[in-house]
């Protein structure tokens, strides 16, 4: 009888201990598409209003030195998902490339930690890709665009749900069907526009929260806005939205009205996501991170200068100057992240993987990143010990190395080197390489040693 009583007590103690353990936090990572460092009010935007994102920053943390994985989408998203910078990653540009079989993704780590995983929006990690690629890379639920070309069209003929193409009531212009390769991957501009893909995607995203709020989940929400429909520029349909909302009466080009409405829609997503978390009583146990995959674009008839989307930063999408790779990052985590804080630590996309391993309590695979958890909890990390590397095989075969405040940029074509102090010279307008030859040589040596055997810069 005593043995039975002891067994019962042991079971009760086990249950009590398990129930008292803090639940694993939900994680929501929101990745805008081509949104610039200067597009948000809390980062200096003067014309457009982003009250929900500004509030998220005011109640959480705003990072001033957050860097994307690349200056275009596919390699940047590869770095975010795998923790490998573009000197080591399997996808380094928007050309044909795919994740390696050996790559371990953020979603796969979450699954090992017992999380439900969902991706809604634009996947675009290389191309061409099979329709079930996101599911094969760790996502339990996927809805949206798998292919980058497909994501150009805001009124596509179909979207992909867990590997299957779901037909929509839209019709692509015949002239875009002539390019059978791109058309087979969903590219084009629609002449019959009935179902707006970003609205369908956000609906599925909210259903994911409703369905999984009682268990730990990782939500990767990746709207394809404010990216442009590159093919639609000729028809003035590069920045398509169902309506211009409060910007309808502005005396702006229609592309700029569309761009502004896209920013407003993203801002409303933040508001509605937070309300959904409040409704389910999980707001205090959810980490929210917002960022953009690279710098702002000059595509689809939109001008990066119209709203000063890159602020004072030089360059834009496809450049390795700060305007191409420095991106906004806002983080909110109730009672963990100090409210209203600004963090000047250097953080980068490759840091998400080790951060996730720490949160999900799983072993971290080899990575080029370092956990952001100390920064998220309010510590300013030592920038002098941080070195970032980018390699971009398009636009002159360029690469860049950032160590603390000094950036070295190298163009393979022409063998041109530039050196900037991005703190003293935030516009990167003064090349100081002749003034600091020893420093330049030191950084060149590090740059030469960084890429792996697949690098375009290896002899």
Protein backbone atom coordinates (compact mmCIF):
# COMPACT_ATOMS: atom_id res chain seq x y z
CA UNK A 1 0.00 0.00 0.00
CA UNK A 2 2.86 2.32 0.86
CA UNK A 3 4.48 1.59 -2.51
CA UNK A 4 1.24 2.52 -4.29
CA UNK A 5 0.96 5.74 -2.29
CA UNK A 6 4.56 6.66 -3.09
CA UNK A 7 3.95 5.99 -6.78
CA UNK A 8 0.91 8.24 -6.78
CA UNK A 9 2.88 11.01 -5.03
CA UNK A 10 5.71 10.65 -7.56
CA UNK A 11 3.28 10.92 -10.48
CA UNK A 12 1.64 13.99 -8.93
CA UNK A 13 5.02 15.63 -8.37
CA UNK A 14 5.96 14.93 -11.99
CA UNK A 15 2.71 16.45 -13.24
CA UNK A 16 3.11 19.48 -10.98
CA UNK A 17 6.69 20.04 -12.10
CA UNK A 18 5.72 19.71 -15.78
CA UNK A 19 2.76 22.06 -15.42
CA UNK A 20 4.86 24.66 -13.60
CA UNK A 21 7.45 24.77 -16.38
CA UNK A 22 7.01 27.96 -18.40
CA UNK A 23 5.43 27.31 -21.81
CA UNK A 24 7.60 27.77 -24.86
CA UNK A 25 6.94 31.15 -26.47
CA UNK A 26 5.21 31.46 -29.80
CA UNK A 27 7.32 33.21 -32.44
CA UNK A 28 5.95 35.35 -35.27
CA UNK A 29 8.45 36.59 -37.86
CA UNK A 30 7.01 39.11 -40.34
CA UNK A 31 9.14 39.74 -43.42
CA UNK A 32 8.09 42.55 -45.73
CA UNK A 33 9.29 42.48 -49.34
CA UNK A 34 11.54 45.37 -50.49
CA UNK A 35 10.54 47.69 -47.65
CA UNK A 36 13.26 50.27 -47.04
CA UNK A 37 15.00 51.46 -43.88
CA UNK A 38 13.20 54.79 -44.18
CA UNK A 39 9.68 53.56 -44.97
CA UNK A 40 8.43 53.48 -41.36
CA UNK A 41 7.55 56.41 -39.14
CA UNK A 42 9.75 55.14 -36.30
CA UNK A 43 12.69 55.13 -38.76
CA UNK A 44 12.13 58.67 -39.97
CA UNK A 45 9.40 58.42 -42.63
CA UNK A 46 7.74 61.84 -43.00
CA UNK A 47 4.91 61.27 -45.48
CA UNK A 48 3.51 57.79 -44.88
CA UNK A 49 2.04 56.86 -41.51
CA UNK A 50 2.68 53.52 -39.81
CA UNK A 51 1.01 53.83 -36.38
CA UNK A 52 0.87 50.11 -35.59
CA UNK A 53 4.52 49.47 -36.36
CA UNK A 54 5.48 52.64 -34.52
CA UNK A 55 3.50 51.41 -31.51
CA UNK A 56 5.19 48.00 -31.72
CA UNK A 57 8.55 49.80 -31.58
CA UNK A 58 7.42 52.04 -28.74
CA UNK A 59 6.34 49.02 -26.70
CA UNK A 60 9.28 46.90 -27.79
CA UNK A 61 12.71 47.41 -29.31
CA UNK A 62 13.89 49.16 -32.47
CA UNK A 63 17.22 48.05 -33.94
CA UNK A 64 19.30 50.62 -35.80
CA UNK A 65 21.93 48.26 -37.25
CA UNK A 66 20.00 45.27 -38.53
CA UNK A 67 21.26 43.71 -41.76
CA UNK A 68 19.55 41.52 -44.33
CA UNK A 69 21.08 38.38 -45.74
CA UNK A 70 21.51 39.92 -49.18
CA UNK A 71 20.40 42.79 -51.36
CA UNK A 72 17.80 40.72 -53.27
CA UNK A 73 15.15 38.32 -52.05
CA UNK A 74 16.21 34.72 -52.76
CA UNK A 75 19.67 34.78 -51.12
CA UNK A 76 18.43 37.00 -48.31
CA UNK A 77 15.66 34.52 -47.46
CA UNK A 78 18.13 31.67 -47.73
CA UNK A 79 20.36 33.31 -45.12
CA UNK A 80 17.38 33.97 -42.87
CA UNK A 81 16.23 30.36 -43.04
CA UNK A 82 19.63 28.60 -42.87
CA UNK A 83 21.87 30.89 -40.80
CA UNK A 84 24.52 30.94 -43.54
CA UNK A 85 25.78 34.18 -45.06
CA UNK A 86 26.18 34.41 -48.82
CA UNK A 87 29.81 33.35 -48.70
CA UNK A 88 28.63 29.93 -47.52
CA UNK A 89 24.98 29.66 -48.51
CA UNK A 90 23.54 27.57 -51.32
CA UNK A 91 21.57 30.52 -52.79
CA UNK A 92 23.58 33.67 -53.51
CA UNK A 93 21.56 35.54 -56.12
CA UNK A 94 18.26 35.48 -57.94
CA UNK A 95 19.64 33.13 -60.56
CA UNK A 96 18.91 29.39 -60.65
CA UNK A 97 19.76 27.91 -57.24
CA UNK A 98 18.11 25.89 -54.49
CA UNK A 99 18.74 24.95 -50.89
CA UNK A 100 21.15 22.07 -50.41
CA UNK A 101 19.85 18.82 -48.94
CA UNK A 102 22.19 19.40 -46.00
CA UNK A 103 20.71 22.82 -45.17
CA UNK A 104 18.80 22.93 -41.88
CA UNK A 105 16.09 25.59 -41.74
CA UNK A 106 14.63 27.63 -38.94
CA UNK A 107 11.32 25.82 -39.44
CA UNK A 108 12.99 22.42 -39.02
CA UNK A 109 14.53 23.55 -35.73
CA UNK A 110 11.16 24.71 -34.45
CA UNK A 111 9.62 21.36 -35.37
CA UNK A 112 12.34 19.56 -33.41
CA UNK A 113 11.37 21.75 -30.47
CA UNK A 114 7.73 20.66 -30.67
CA UNK A 115 6.36 23.67 -32.55
CA UNK A 116 3.66 23.83 -35.22
CA UNK A 117 5.09 25.75 -38.17
CA UNK A 118 3.35 27.85 -40.81
CA UNK A 119 4.52 30.03 -43.71
CA UNK A 120 2.11 32.38 -45.44
CA UNK A 121 3.08 34.61 -48.34
CA UNK A 122 6.18 34.51 -50.51
CA UNK A 123 8.65 31.64 -50.04
CA UNK A 124 11.07 32.41 -52.90
CA UNK A 125 14.17 30.68 -51.52
CA UNK A 126 15.81 30.07 -54.90
CA UNK A 127 14.26 28.84 -58.15
CA UNK A 128 12.94 26.86 -59.89
CA UNK A 129 11.22 25.13 -56.96
CA UNK A 130 8.67 22.36 -56.59
CA UNK A 131 5.32 23.47 -55.24
CA UNK A 132 5.86 21.53 -52.02
CA UNK A 133 9.30 23.03 -51.33
CA UNK A 134 8.28 24.99 -48.18
CA UNK A 135 6.69 21.84 -46.73
CA UNK A 136 9.84 19.87 -47.50
CA UNK A 137 11.85 22.50 -45.63
CA UNK A 138 9.96 22.22 -42.35
CA UNK A 139 6.61 23.99 -42.66
CA UNK A 140 3.50 22.10 -41.61
CA UNK A 141 1.25 24.60 -43.35
CA UNK A 142 2.07 26.77 -46.36
CA UNK A 143 -0.15 29.07 -48.42
CA UNK A 144 1.01 31.59 -50.99
CA UNK A 145 3.69 31.90 -53.65
CA UNK A 146 6.50 29.36 -53.88
CA UNK A 147 8.23 30.94 -56.88
CA UNK A 148 9.62 34.49 -56.95
CA UNK A 149 8.27 35.21 -60.45
CA UNK A 150 4.84 34.05 -59.31
CA UNK A 151 4.96 36.52 -56.42
CA UNK A 152 5.24 39.44 -58.87
CA UNK A 153 1.56 39.02 -59.76
CA UNK A 154 -0.87 40.35 -57.16
CA UNK A 155 -3.81 38.82 -59.05
CA UNK A 156 -2.38 35.42 -60.03
CA UNK A 157 -4.31 32.56 -61.58
CA UNK A 158 -3.48 30.35 -58.59
CA UNK A 159 -1.82 30.20 -55.20
CA UNK A 160 -0.14 27.16 -53.64
CA UNK A 161 -1.49 25.41 -50.55
CA UNK A 162 0.70 22.63 -49.16
CA UNK A 163 2.05 21.61 -52.55
CA UNK A 164 -1.19 21.94 -54.50
CA UNK A 165 -2.17 24.77 -56.82
CA UNK A 166 -5.46 26.39 -55.82
CA UNK A 167 -7.13 28.07 -58.79
CA UNK A 168 -8.21 31.70 -58.40
CA UNK A 169 -10.72 33.72 -60.37
CA UNK A 170 -8.10 35.82 -62.17
CA UNK A 171 -6.93 35.73 -65.80
CA UNK A 172 -3.41 36.62 -66.96
CA UNK A 173 -2.92 38.70 -70.12
CA UNK A 174 -2.26 36.55 -73.19
CA UNK A 175 0.99 38.30 -74.07
CA UNK A 176 2.57 37.08 -70.84
CA UNK A 177 1.66 33.50 -71.66
CA UNK A 178 4.12 33.51 -74.57
CA UNK A 179 7.04 33.04 -72.16
CA UNK A 180 6.04 29.48 -71.29
CA UNK A 181 8.76 29.02 -68.69
CA UNK A 182 7.86 32.08 -66.62
CA UNK A 183 4.14 31.60 -67.19
CA UNK A 184 4.36 28.00 -65.97
CA UNK A 185 5.83 29.42 -62.77
CA UNK A 186 2.97 31.91 -62.36
CA UNK A 187 4.46 35.13 -63.73
CA UNK A 188 2.48 37.76 -65.59
CA UNK A 189 -0.08 40.54 -65.24
CA UNK A 190 -3.77 39.85 -64.91
CA UNK A 191 -6.41 41.45 -67.08
CA UNK A 192 -9.29 40.01 -65.05
CA UNK A 193 -8.69 40.90 -61.40
CA UNK A 194 -11.14 39.41 -58.93
CA UNK A 195 -9.12 37.89 -56.08
CA UNK A 196 -6.28 39.88 -54.52
CA UNK A 197 -3.65 37.41 -53.36
CA UNK A 198 -2.32 39.41 -50.36
CA UNK A 199 -5.83 39.45 -48.88
CA UNK A 200 -6.23 35.70 -49.36
CA UNK A 201 -2.83 35.09 -47.78
CA UNK A 202 -3.49 37.19 -44.70
CA UNK A 203 -6.83 35.41 -44.22
CA UNK A 204 -5.05 32.04 -44.17
CA UNK A 205 -2.43 33.45 -41.82
CA UNK A 206 -5.04 34.49 -39.26
CA UNK A 207 -6.74 31.11 -39.54
CA UNK A 208 -3.41 29.52 -38.64
CA UNK A 209 -3.27 31.57 -35.42
CA UNK A 210 -6.88 30.70 -34.58
CA UNK A 211 -6.27 27.00 -35.17
CA UNK A 212 -2.98 26.70 -33.29
CA UNK A 213 -3.17 29.23 -30.46
CA UNK A 214 -3.26 26.54 -27.76
CA UNK A 215 0.14 25.06 -28.70
CA UNK A 216 3.55 26.60 -29.39
CA UNK A 217 3.74 27.80 -32.98
CA UNK A 218 6.14 29.49 -35.37
CA UNK A 219 4.44 31.78 -37.87
CA UNK A 220 6.51 33.07 -40.77
CA UNK A 221 4.38 35.73 -42.46
CA UNK A 222 5.94 36.97 -45.70
CA UNK A 223 3.67 39.31 -47.70
CA UNK A 224 4.89 40.05 -51.23
CA UNK A 225 4.43 43.76 -50.61
CA UNK A 226 5.62 46.44 -51.20
CA UNK A 227 7.45 44.55 -53.98
CA UNK A 228 6.46 45.51 -57.51
CA UNK A 229 5.06 43.52 -60.38
CA UNK A 230 8.06 44.02 -62.64
CA UNK A 231 6.16 42.76 -65.66
CA UNK A 232 3.32 45.20 -65.00
CA UNK A 233 5.24 48.42 -65.42
CA UNK A 234 4.19 48.83 -69.06
CA UNK A 235 0.52 48.76 -68.10
CA UNK A 236 0.99 50.99 -65.03
CA UNK A 237 0.13 47.97 -62.91
CA UNK A 238 3.41 47.64 -61.07
CA UNK A 239 1.98 48.40 -57.63
CA UNK A 240 -1.49 46.88 -57.76
CA UNK A 241 -3.96 47.17 -54.88
CA UNK A 242 -7.76 46.78 -54.86
CA UNK A 243 -8.11 50.45 -53.89
CA UNK A 244 -5.92 53.35 -52.83
CA UNK A 245 -7.70 53.87 -49.50
CA UNK A 246 -6.87 57.23 -47.86
CA UNK A 247 -4.43 58.01 -50.68
CA UNK A 248 -7.02 57.98 -53.48
CA UNK A 249 -7.21 61.77 -53.71
CA UNK A 250 -3.49 62.40 -53.48
CA UNK A 251 -1.94 64.02 -56.53
CA UNK A 252 0.62 61.25 -56.78
CA UNK A 253 1.40 58.80 -59.59
CA UNK A 254 -0.78 55.71 -59.26
CA UNK A 255 2.29 53.59 -58.53
CA UNK A 256 3.05 55.72 -55.46
CA UNK A 257 -0.56 55.52 -54.28
CA UNK A 258 -0.31 51.75 -54.61
CA UNK A 259 2.99 51.67 -52.74
CA UNK A 260 1.57 53.78 -49.91
CA UNK A 261 -1.50 51.56 -49.61
CA UNK A 262 0.71 48.46 -49.44
CA UNK A 263 2.63 49.97 -46.52
CA UNK A 264 -0.65 50.83 -44.81
CA UNK A 265 -1.92 47.26 -45.31
CA UNK A 266 1.22 45.85 -43.70
CA UNK A 267 0.81 48.25 -40.81
CA UNK A 268 -2.79 47.10 -40.35
CA UNK A 269 -1.56 43.49 -40.36
CA UNK A 270 0.51 44.29 -37.27
CA UNK A 271 -2.50 45.76 -35.52
CA UNK A 272 -4.70 42.79 -36.39
CA UNK A 273 -2.07 40.21 -35.44
CA UNK A 274 -1.71 41.76 -32.01
CA UNK A 275 -5.46 41.85 -31.57
CA UNK A 276 -5.65 38.18 -32.50
CA UNK A 277 -3.01 37.32 -29.91
CA UNK A 278 -4.94 39.32 -27.28
CA UNK A 279 -8.15 37.51 -28.20
CA UNK A 280 -6.54 34.13 -27.59
CA UNK A 281 -4.74 35.27 -24.43
CA UNK A 282 -1.26 34.55 -25.80
CA UNK A 283 0.08 38.07 -26.40
CA UNK A 284 2.36 37.91 -23.36
CA UNK A 285 3.95 34.67 -24.52
CA UNK A 286 4.65 35.60 -28.14
CA UNK A 287 7.81 37.06 -29.63
CA UNK A 288 7.09 39.25 -32.66
CA UNK A 289 9.88 40.30 -35.03
CA UNK A 290 9.32 42.55 -38.04
CA UNK A 291 11.86 43.18 -40.80
CA UNK A 292 12.36 43.41 -44.58
CA UNK A 293 14.26 41.10 -46.92
CA UNK A 294 16.42 43.85 -48.45
CA UNK A 295 16.48 47.54 -49.30
CA UNK A 296 13.81 49.47 -51.25
CA UNK A 297 13.21 49.06 -54.98
CA UNK A 298 12.95 51.23 -58.10
CA UNK A 299 10.64 48.87 -59.96
CA UNK A 300 7.14 48.70 -61.39
CA UNK A 301 7.09 52.46 -61.94
CA UNK A 302 7.76 53.23 -58.27
CA UNK A 303 10.61 55.59 -57.37
CA UNK A 304 12.62 55.00 -54.21
CA UNK A 305 13.04 58.77 -53.93
CA UNK A 306 9.33 59.57 -53.84
CA UNK A 307 8.96 58.72 -50.14
CA UNK A 308 12.72 58.73 -49.42
CA UNK A 309 12.49 55.02 -48.70
CA UNK A 310 16.18 54.56 -47.89
CA UNK A 311 16.44 57.64 -45.67
CA UNK A 312 19.98 58.99 -45.74
CA UNK A 313 21.44 55.62 -46.73
CA UNK A 314 23.24 55.28 -50.05
CA UNK A 315 21.96 52.72 -52.52
CA UNK A 316 18.92 50.50 -52.73
CA UNK A 317 17.95 46.97 -53.70
CA UNK A 318 20.80 45.23 -55.62
CA UNK A 319 23.46 47.42 -53.97
CA UNK A 320 25.77 46.39 -51.12
CA UNK A 321 25.78 49.93 -49.79
CA UNK A 322 23.78 50.45 -46.60
CA UNK A 323 20.61 51.30 -48.53
CA UNK A 324 20.63 47.82 -50.03
CA UNK A 325 21.28 45.72 -46.93
CA UNK A 326 20.45 47.71 -43.80
CA UNK A 327 16.83 47.03 -42.95
CA UNK A 328 14.38 47.96 -40.20
CA UNK A 329 13.92 45.47 -37.39
CA UNK A 330 11.42 45.75 -34.58
CA UNK A 331 11.02 43.17 -31.82
CA UNK A 332 8.30 42.85 -29.19
CA UNK A 333 8.14 40.34 -26.34
CA UNK A 334 6.10 41.34 -23.30
CA UNK A 335 8.04 41.42 -20.02
CA UNK A 336 11.20 40.28 -21.82
CA UNK A 337 12.15 43.03 -24.26
CA UNK A 338 12.53 46.45 -22.59
CA UNK A 339 9.72 48.70 -23.81
CA UNK A 340 10.66 51.75 -25.85
CA UNK A 341 14.27 50.64 -26.24
CA UNK A 342 16.64 51.32 -29.11
CA UNK A 343 19.45 48.85 -29.69
CA UNK A 344 22.56 49.72 -31.72
CA UNK A 345 23.94 46.16 -31.75
CA UNK A 346 24.88 44.74 -35.15
CA UNK A 347 22.41 41.93 -35.88
CA UNK A 348 21.88 40.06 -39.12
CA UNK A 349 19.60 37.51 -40.76
CA UNK A 350 22.01 34.66 -40.02
CA UNK A 351 21.39 35.32 -36.33
CA UNK A 352 17.82 34.01 -36.43
CA UNK A 353 18.83 30.33 -36.60
CA UNK A 354 20.93 30.28 -33.38
CA UNK A 355 18.31 32.44 -31.67
CA UNK A 356 15.63 29.91 -32.59
CA UNK A 357 17.76 27.03 -31.34
CA UNK A 358 17.98 28.80 -27.99
CA UNK A 359 14.26 29.56 -27.81
CA UNK A 360 13.13 26.12 -28.96
CA UNK A 361 15.78 24.44 -26.75
CA UNK A 362 17.29 22.34 -29.54
CA UNK A 363 20.84 21.80 -30.74
CA UNK A 364 22.03 24.48 -33.15
CA UNK A 365 23.62 23.36 -36.44
CA UNK A 366 26.67 25.08 -37.88
CA UNK A 367 25.89 28.74 -38.52
CA UNK A 368 27.52 32.04 -39.45
CA UNK A 369 25.27 33.80 -36.96
CA UNK A 370 25.15 34.41 -33.25
CA UNK A 371 22.12 34.36 -30.97
CA UNK A 372 20.28 37.67 -30.72
CA UNK A 373 18.77 36.74 -27.36
CA UNK A 374 21.10 39.00 -25.33
CA UNK A 375 20.24 41.94 -27.60
CA UNK A 376 16.52 41.15 -27.41
CA UNK A 377 16.74 41.20 -23.63
CA UNK A 378 18.28 44.66 -23.69
CA UNK A 379 22.02 44.10 -23.84
CA UNK A 380 24.05 46.13 -26.33
CA UNK A 381 26.37 43.60 -27.92
CA UNK A 382 30.02 44.35 -28.74
CA UNK A 383 30.07 45.50 -32.36
CA UNK A 384 33.87 45.46 -32.50
CA UNK A 385 33.75 41.67 -32.36
CA UNK A 386 31.25 41.38 -35.22
CA UNK A 387 32.13 40.85 -38.88
CA UNK A 388 29.49 40.47 -41.61
CA UNK A 389 30.03 39.32 -45.19
CA UNK A 390 27.92 39.54 -48.35
CA UNK A 391 28.55 38.18 -51.83
CA UNK A 392 26.34 39.13 -54.77
CA UNK A 393 27.10 37.59 -58.19
CA UNK A 394 24.90 40.03 -60.09
CA UNK A 395 25.51 43.72 -60.80
CA UNK A 396 29.30 43.60 -61.22
CA UNK A 397 30.03 40.56 -59.03
CA UNK A 398 30.28 42.47 -55.78
CA UNK A 399 31.01 41.57 -52.20
CA UNK A 400 31.20 43.49 -48.96
CA UNK A 401 32.72 43.06 -45.51
CA UNK A 402 31.54 44.99 -42.47
CA UNK A 403 33.56 45.08 -39.26
CA UNK A 404 32.16 47.37 -36.61
CA UNK A 405 31.87 50.77 -38.34
CA UNK A 406 34.10 50.03 -41.34
CA UNK A 407 32.83 48.54 -44.60
CA UNK A 408 34.94 47.30 -47.49
CA UNK A 409 33.21 46.82 -50.86
CA UNK A 410 34.81 45.02 -53.79
CA UNK A 411 33.62 44.84 -57.39
CA UNK A 412 35.21 41.90 -59.20
CA UNK A 413 34.63 43.55 -62.57
CA UNK A 414 37.27 46.24 -62.65
CA UNK A 415 38.75 45.03 -59.34
CA UNK A 416 37.47 48.18 -57.61
CA UNK A 417 37.69 48.51 -53.81
CA UNK A 418 35.91 51.09 -51.66
CA UNK A 419 36.28 51.69 -47.92
CA UNK A 420 33.77 53.60 -45.79
CA UNK A 421 33.27 54.56 -42.17
CA UNK A 422 29.49 54.18 -42.07
CA UNK A 423 29.12 55.98 -38.73
CA UNK A 424 31.16 59.08 -39.56
CA UNK A 425 29.97 58.90 -43.17
CA UNK A 426 26.44 57.40 -43.11
CA UNK A 427 25.86 58.31 -46.77
CA UNK A 428 28.98 56.35 -47.83
CA UNK A 429 30.08 59.28 -49.97
CA UNK A 430 33.79 59.36 -49.08
CA UNK A 431 36.02 56.46 -50.11
CA UNK A 432 38.79 56.44 -47.47
CA UNK A 433 40.75 53.46 -48.80
CA UNK A 434 43.82 55.59 -49.65
CA UNK A 435 43.82 57.11 -46.16
CA UNK A 436 43.93 53.74 -44.37
CA UNK A 437 45.99 51.34 -46.52
CA UNK A 438 46.93 49.03 -43.63
CA UNK A 439 43.30 48.68 -42.50
CA UNK A 440 42.17 48.10 -46.07
CA UNK A 441 44.76 45.36 -46.52
CA UNK A 442 43.69 43.68 -43.29
CA UNK A 443 40.04 43.63 -44.37
CA UNK A 444 40.95 42.43 -47.86
CA UNK A 445 42.70 39.46 -46.29
CA UNK A 446 39.62 38.58 -44.21
CA UNK A 447 37.44 39.00 -47.29
CA UNK A 448 39.63 36.61 -49.29
CA UNK A 449 39.42 33.96 -46.56
CA UNK A 450 35.65 34.15 -46.07
CA UNK A 451 33.95 32.47 -49.10
CA UNK A 452 33.77 28.68 -49.56
CA UNK A 453 34.86 26.74 -52.62
CA UNK A 454 31.75 27.74 -54.62
CA UNK A 455 32.43 31.44 -54.32
CA UNK A 456 32.55 33.55 -57.47
CA UNK A 457 35.64 35.19 -55.98
CA UNK A 458 37.68 32.03 -55.61
CA UNK A 459 40.40 31.73 -58.25
